[in-house]
């Protein structure tokens, strides 16, 4: 069984690394808005939707 971080097991983070940002208080929508402000972030954010 994996380590727990805020009630989330480490395998969960391996499958969805954006959970880490949610645990830090940044919603997925807010993260994607911030990512879209840079060319690399824009490319990454379009891959996640």
PDB file of N, CA and C in Angstrom:
ATOM      1  N   UNK A   1       0.845  -1.191   0.000  1.00  0.00           N
ATOM      2  CA  UNK A   1       0.000   0.000   0.000  1.00  0.00           C
ATOM      3  C   UNK A   1       0.882   1.243   0.000  1.00  0.00           C
ATOM      4  N   UNK A   2       0.506   2.239  -0.762  1.00  0.00           N
ATOM      5  CA  UNK A   2       1.314   3.451  -0.906  1.00  0.00           C
ATOM      6  C   UNK A   2       1.207   4.383   0.274  1.00  0.00           C
ATOM      7  N   UNK A   3       2.104   5.334   0.314  1.00  0.00           N
ATOM      8  CA  UNK A   3       2.098   6.365   1.343  1.00  0.00           C
ATOM      9  C   UNK A   3       0.870   7.258   1.166  1.00  0.00           C
ATOM     10  N   UNK A   4       0.368   7.789   2.268  1.00  0.00           N
ATOM     11  CA  UNK A   4      -0.768   8.705   2.206  1.00  0.00           C
ATOM     12  C   UNK A   4      -0.291  10.138   2.356  1.00  0.00           C
ATOM     13  N   UNK A   5      -0.834  11.012   1.537  1.00  0.00           N
ATOM     14  CA  UNK A   5      -0.538  12.436   1.599  1.00  0.00           C
ATOM     15  C   UNK A   5      -1.872  13.159   1.594  1.00  0.00           C
ATOM     16  N   UNK A   6      -2.290  13.650   2.733  1.00  0.00           N
ATOM     17  CA  UNK A   6      -3.572  14.331   2.812  1.00  0.00           C
ATOM     18  C   UNK A   6      -4.737  13.427   2.436  1.00  0.00           C
ATOM     19  N   UNK A   7      -4.629  12.129   2.764  1.00  0.00           N
ATOM     20  CA  UNK A   7      -5.688  11.190   2.451  1.00  0.00           C
ATOM     21  C   UNK A   7      -5.621  10.635   1.037  1.00  0.00           C
ATOM     22  N   UNK A   8      -4.583  10.992   0.290  1.00  0.00           N
ATOM     23  CA  UNK A   8      -4.405  10.524  -1.081  1.00  0.00           C
ATOM     24  C   UNK A   8      -3.185   9.604  -1.113  1.00  0.00           C
ATOM     25  N   UNK A   9      -3.347   8.416  -1.675  1.00  0.00           N
ATOM     26  CA  UNK A   9      -2.235   7.471  -1.764  1.00  0.00           C
ATOM     27  C   UNK A   9      -1.298   7.873  -2.890  1.00  0.00           C
ATOM     28  N   UNK A  10      -0.011   7.562  -2.723  1.00  0.00           N
ATOM     29  CA  UNK A  10       0.977   7.932  -3.733  1.00  0.00           C
ATOM     30  C   UNK A  10       0.664   7.364  -5.118  1.00  0.00           C
ATOM     31  N   UNK A  11       0.088   6.158  -5.251  1.00  0.00           N
ATOM     32  CA  UNK A  11      -0.280   5.709  -6.603  1.00  0.00           C
ATOM     33  C   UNK A  11      -1.324   6.616  -7.267  1.00  0.00           C
ATOM     34  N   UNK A  12      -2.181   7.245  -6.453  1.00  0.00           N
ATOM     35  CA  UNK A  12      -3.151   8.192  -7.001  1.00  0.00           C
ATOM     36  C   UNK A  12      -2.437   9.382  -7.630  1.00  0.00           C
ATOM     37  N   UNK A  13      -1.368   9.849  -6.971  1.00  0.00           N
ATOM     38  CA  UNK A  13      -0.597  10.970  -7.509  1.00  0.00           C
ATOM     39  C   UNK A  13       0.158  10.565  -8.769  1.00  0.00           C
ATOM     40  N   UNK A  14       0.590   9.309  -8.830  1.00  0.00           N
ATOM     41  CA  UNK A  14       1.253   8.826 -10.037  1.00  0.00           C
ATOM     42  C   UNK A  14       0.298   8.846 -11.223  1.00  0.00           C
ATOM     43  N   UNK A  15      -0.954   8.521 -10.986  1.00  0.00           N
ATOM     44  CA  UNK A  15      -1.953   8.491 -12.054  1.00  0.00           C
ATOM     45  C   UNK A  15      -2.441   9.888 -12.419  1.00  0.00           C
ATOM     46  N   UNK A  16      -2.493  10.778 -11.434  1.00  0.00           N
ATOM     47  CA  UNK A  16      -3.010  12.134 -11.663  1.00  0.00           C
ATOM     48  C   UNK A  16      -2.173  13.137 -10.871  1.00  0.00           C
ATOM     49  N   UNK A  17      -1.034  13.582 -11.434  1.00  0.00           N
ATOM     50  CA  UNK A  17      -0.162  14.492 -10.684  1.00  0.00           C
ATOM     51  C   UNK A  17      -0.816  15.837 -10.353  1.00  0.00           C
ATOM     52  N   UNK A  18      -1.894  16.189 -11.029  1.00  0.00           N
ATOM     53  CA  UNK A  18      -2.575  17.443 -10.725  1.00  0.00           C
ATOM     54  C   UNK A  18      -3.253  17.408  -9.356  1.00  0.00           C
ATOM     55  N   UNK A  19      -3.429  16.226  -8.781  1.00  0.00           N
ATOM     56  CA  UNK A  19      -3.965  16.125  -7.428  1.00  0.00           C
ATOM     57  C   UNK A  19      -3.070  16.854  -6.430  1.00  0.00           C
ATOM     58  N   UNK A  20      -1.778  16.854  -6.680  1.00  0.00           N
ATOM     59  CA  UNK A  20      -0.850  17.538  -5.781  1.00  0.00           C
ATOM     60  C   UNK A  20      -1.171  19.028  -5.698  1.00  0.00           C
ATOM     61  N   UNK A  21      -1.489  19.637  -6.833  1.00  0.00           N
ATOM     62  CA  UNK A  21      -1.853  21.051  -6.839  1.00  0.00           C
ATOM     63  C   UNK A  21      -3.170  21.274  -6.107  1.00  0.00           C
ATOM     64  N   UNK A  22      -4.117  20.340  -6.274  1.00  0.00           N
ATOM     65  CA  UNK A  22      -5.391  20.464  -5.574  1.00  0.00           C
ATOM     66  C   UNK A  22      -5.190  20.354  -4.066  1.00  0.00           C
ATOM     67  N   UNK A  23      -4.280  19.477  -3.640  1.00  0.00           N
ATOM     68  CA  UNK A  23      -3.987  19.356  -2.213  1.00  0.00           C
ATOM     69  C   UNK A  23      -3.371  20.633  -1.665  1.00  0.00           C
ATOM     70  N   UNK A  24      -2.692  21.382  -2.526  1.00  0.00           N
ATOM     71  CA  UNK A  24      -2.074  22.656  -2.120  1.00  0.00           C
ATOM     72  C   UNK A  24      -3.051  23.821  -2.218  1.00  0.00           C
ATOM     73  N   UNK A  25      -4.302  23.550  -2.651  1.00  0.00           N
ATOM     74  CA  UNK A  25      -5.324  24.585  -2.672  1.00  0.00           C
ATOM     75  C   UNK A  25      -5.536  25.254  -4.017  1.00  0.00           C
ATOM     76  N   UNK A  26      -4.904  24.742  -5.076  1.00  0.00           N
ATOM     77  CA  UNK A  26      -5.062  25.327  -6.406  1.00  0.00           C
ATOM     78  C   UNK A  26      -5.961  24.412  -7.223  1.00  0.00           C
ATOM     79  N   UNK A  27      -7.118  24.932  -7.592  1.00  0.00           N
ATOM     80  CA  UNK A  27      -8.059  24.108  -8.345  1.00  0.00           C
ATOM     81  C   UNK A  27      -7.507  23.781  -9.723  1.00  0.00           C
ATOM     82  N   UNK A  28      -8.014  22.730 -10.298  1.00  0.00           N
ATOM     83  CA  UNK A  28      -7.585  22.301 -11.623  1.00  0.00           C
ATOM     84  C   UNK A  28      -7.846  23.404 -12.657  1.00  0.00           C
ATOM     85  N   UNK A  29      -8.987  24.071 -12.556  1.00  0.00           N
ATOM     86  CA  UNK A  29      -9.311  25.156 -13.490  1.00  0.00           C
ATOM     87  C   UNK A  29      -8.336  26.319 -13.349  1.00  0.00           C
ATOM     88  N   UNK A  30      -8.038  26.708 -12.106  1.00  0.00           N
ATOM     89  CA  UNK A  30      -7.091  27.809 -11.876  1.00  0.00           C
ATOM     90  C   UNK A  30      -5.703  27.439 -12.375  1.00  0.00           C
ATOM     91  N   UNK A  31      -5.305  26.193 -12.174  1.00  0.00           N
ATOM     92  CA  UNK A  31      -4.011  25.734 -12.649  1.00  0.00           C
ATOM     93  C   UNK A  31      -3.937  25.816 -14.171  1.00  0.00           C
ATOM     94  N   UNK A  32      -4.973  25.375 -14.842  1.00  0.00           N
ATOM     95  CA  UNK A  32      -4.969  25.423 -16.300  1.00  0.00           C
ATOM     96  C   UNK A  32      -4.955  26.857 -16.816  1.00  0.00           C
ATOM     97  N   UNK A  33      -5.619  27.762 -16.119  1.00  0.00           N
ATOM     98  CA  UNK A  33      -5.580  29.178 -16.515  1.00  0.00           C
ATOM     99  C   UNK A  33      -4.173  29.741 -16.386  1.00  0.00           C
ATOM    100  N   UNK A  34      -3.480  29.378 -15.288  1.00  0.00           N
ATOM    101  CA  UNK A  34      -2.110  29.841 -15.095  1.00  0.00           C
ATOM    102  C   UNK A  34      -1.170  29.223 -16.129  1.00  0.00           C
ATOM    103  N   UNK A  35      -1.347  27.950 -16.399  1.00  0.00           N
ATOM    104  CA  UNK A  35      -0.509  27.285 -17.392  1.00  0.00           C
ATOM    105  C   UNK A  35      -0.659  27.917 -18.772  1.00  0.00           C
ATOM    106  N   UNK A  36      -1.861  28.320 -19.101  1.00  0.00           N
ATOM    107  CA  UNK A  36      -2.132  28.861 -20.433  1.00  0.00           C
ATOM    108  C   UNK A  36      -1.423  30.187 -20.686  1.00  0.00           C
ATOM    109  N   UNK A  37      -0.854  30.790 -19.654  1.00  0.00           N
ATOM    110  CA  UNK A  37      -0.185  32.084 -19.807  1.00  0.00           C
ATOM    111  C   UNK A  37       1.197  31.970 -20.448  1.00  0.00           C
ATOM    112  N   UNK A  38       1.761  30.756 -20.506  1.00  0.00           N
ATOM    113  CA  UNK A  38       3.059  30.574 -21.151  1.00  0.00           C
ATOM    114  C   UNK A  38       2.907  29.600 -22.318  1.00  0.00           C
ATOM    115  N   UNK A  39       3.778  29.696 -23.317  1.00  0.00           N
ATOM    116  CA  UNK A  39       3.668  28.782 -24.462  1.00  0.00           C
ATOM    117  C   UNK A  39       3.746  27.297 -24.062  1.00  0.00           C
ATOM    118  N   UNK A  40       4.707  26.956 -23.203  1.00  0.00           N
ATOM    119  CA  UNK A  40       4.817  25.569 -22.773  1.00  0.00           C
ATOM    120  C   UNK A  40       3.608  25.173 -21.934  1.00  0.00           C
ATOM    121  N   UNK A  41       3.226  26.050 -21.026  1.00  0.00           N
ATOM    122  CA  UNK A  41       2.060  25.769 -20.193  1.00  0.00           C
ATOM    123  C   UNK A  41       0.799  25.636 -21.013  1.00  0.00           C
ATOM    124  N   UNK A  42       0.679  26.451 -22.038  1.00  0.00           N
ATOM    125  CA  UNK A  42      -0.493  26.365 -22.919  1.00  0.00           C
ATOM    126  C   UNK A  42      -0.534  24.994 -23.598  1.00  0.00           C
ATOM    127  N   UNK A  43       0.611  24.551 -24.091  1.00  0.00           N
ATOM    128  CA  UNK A  43       0.672  23.218 -24.737  1.00  0.00           C
ATOM    129  C   UNK A  43       0.319  22.129 -23.742  1.00  0.00           C
ATOM    130  N   UNK A  44       0.832  22.224 -22.521  1.00  0.00           N
ATOM    131  CA  UNK A  44       0.538  21.219 -21.507  1.00  0.00           C
ATOM    132  C   UNK A  44      -0.925  21.247 -21.093  1.00  0.00           C
ATOM    133  N   UNK A  45      -1.481  22.439 -20.953  1.00  0.00           N
ATOM    134  CA  UNK A  45      -2.864  22.540 -20.494  1.00  0.00           C
ATOM    135  C   UNK A  45      -3.840  22.019 -21.537  1.00  0.00           C
ATOM    136  N   UNK A  46      -3.509  22.143 -22.807  1.00  0.00           N
ATOM    137  CA  UNK A  46      -4.407  21.610 -23.831  1.00  0.00           C
ATOM    138  C   UNK A  46      -4.325  20.097 -23.878  1.00  0.00           C
ATOM    139  N   UNK A  47      -3.211  19.517 -23.440  1.00  0.00           N
ATOM    140  CA  UNK A  47      -3.068  18.064 -23.397  1.00  0.00           C
ATOM    141  C   UNK A  47      -3.898  17.459 -22.287  1.00  0.00           C
ATOM    142  N   UNK A  48      -4.199  18.218 -21.242  1.00  0.00           N
ATOM    143  CA  UNK A  48      -4.899  17.682 -20.074  1.00  0.00           C
ATOM    144  C   UNK A  48      -6.411  17.825 -20.170  1.00  0.00           C
ATOM    145  N   UNK A  49      -6.895  18.464 -21.198  1.00  0.00           N
ATOM    146  CA  UNK A  49      -8.350  18.654 -21.305  1.00  0.00           C
ATOM    147  C   UNK A  49      -8.942  17.726 -22.327  1.00  0.00           C
TER     148      UNK A  49
END
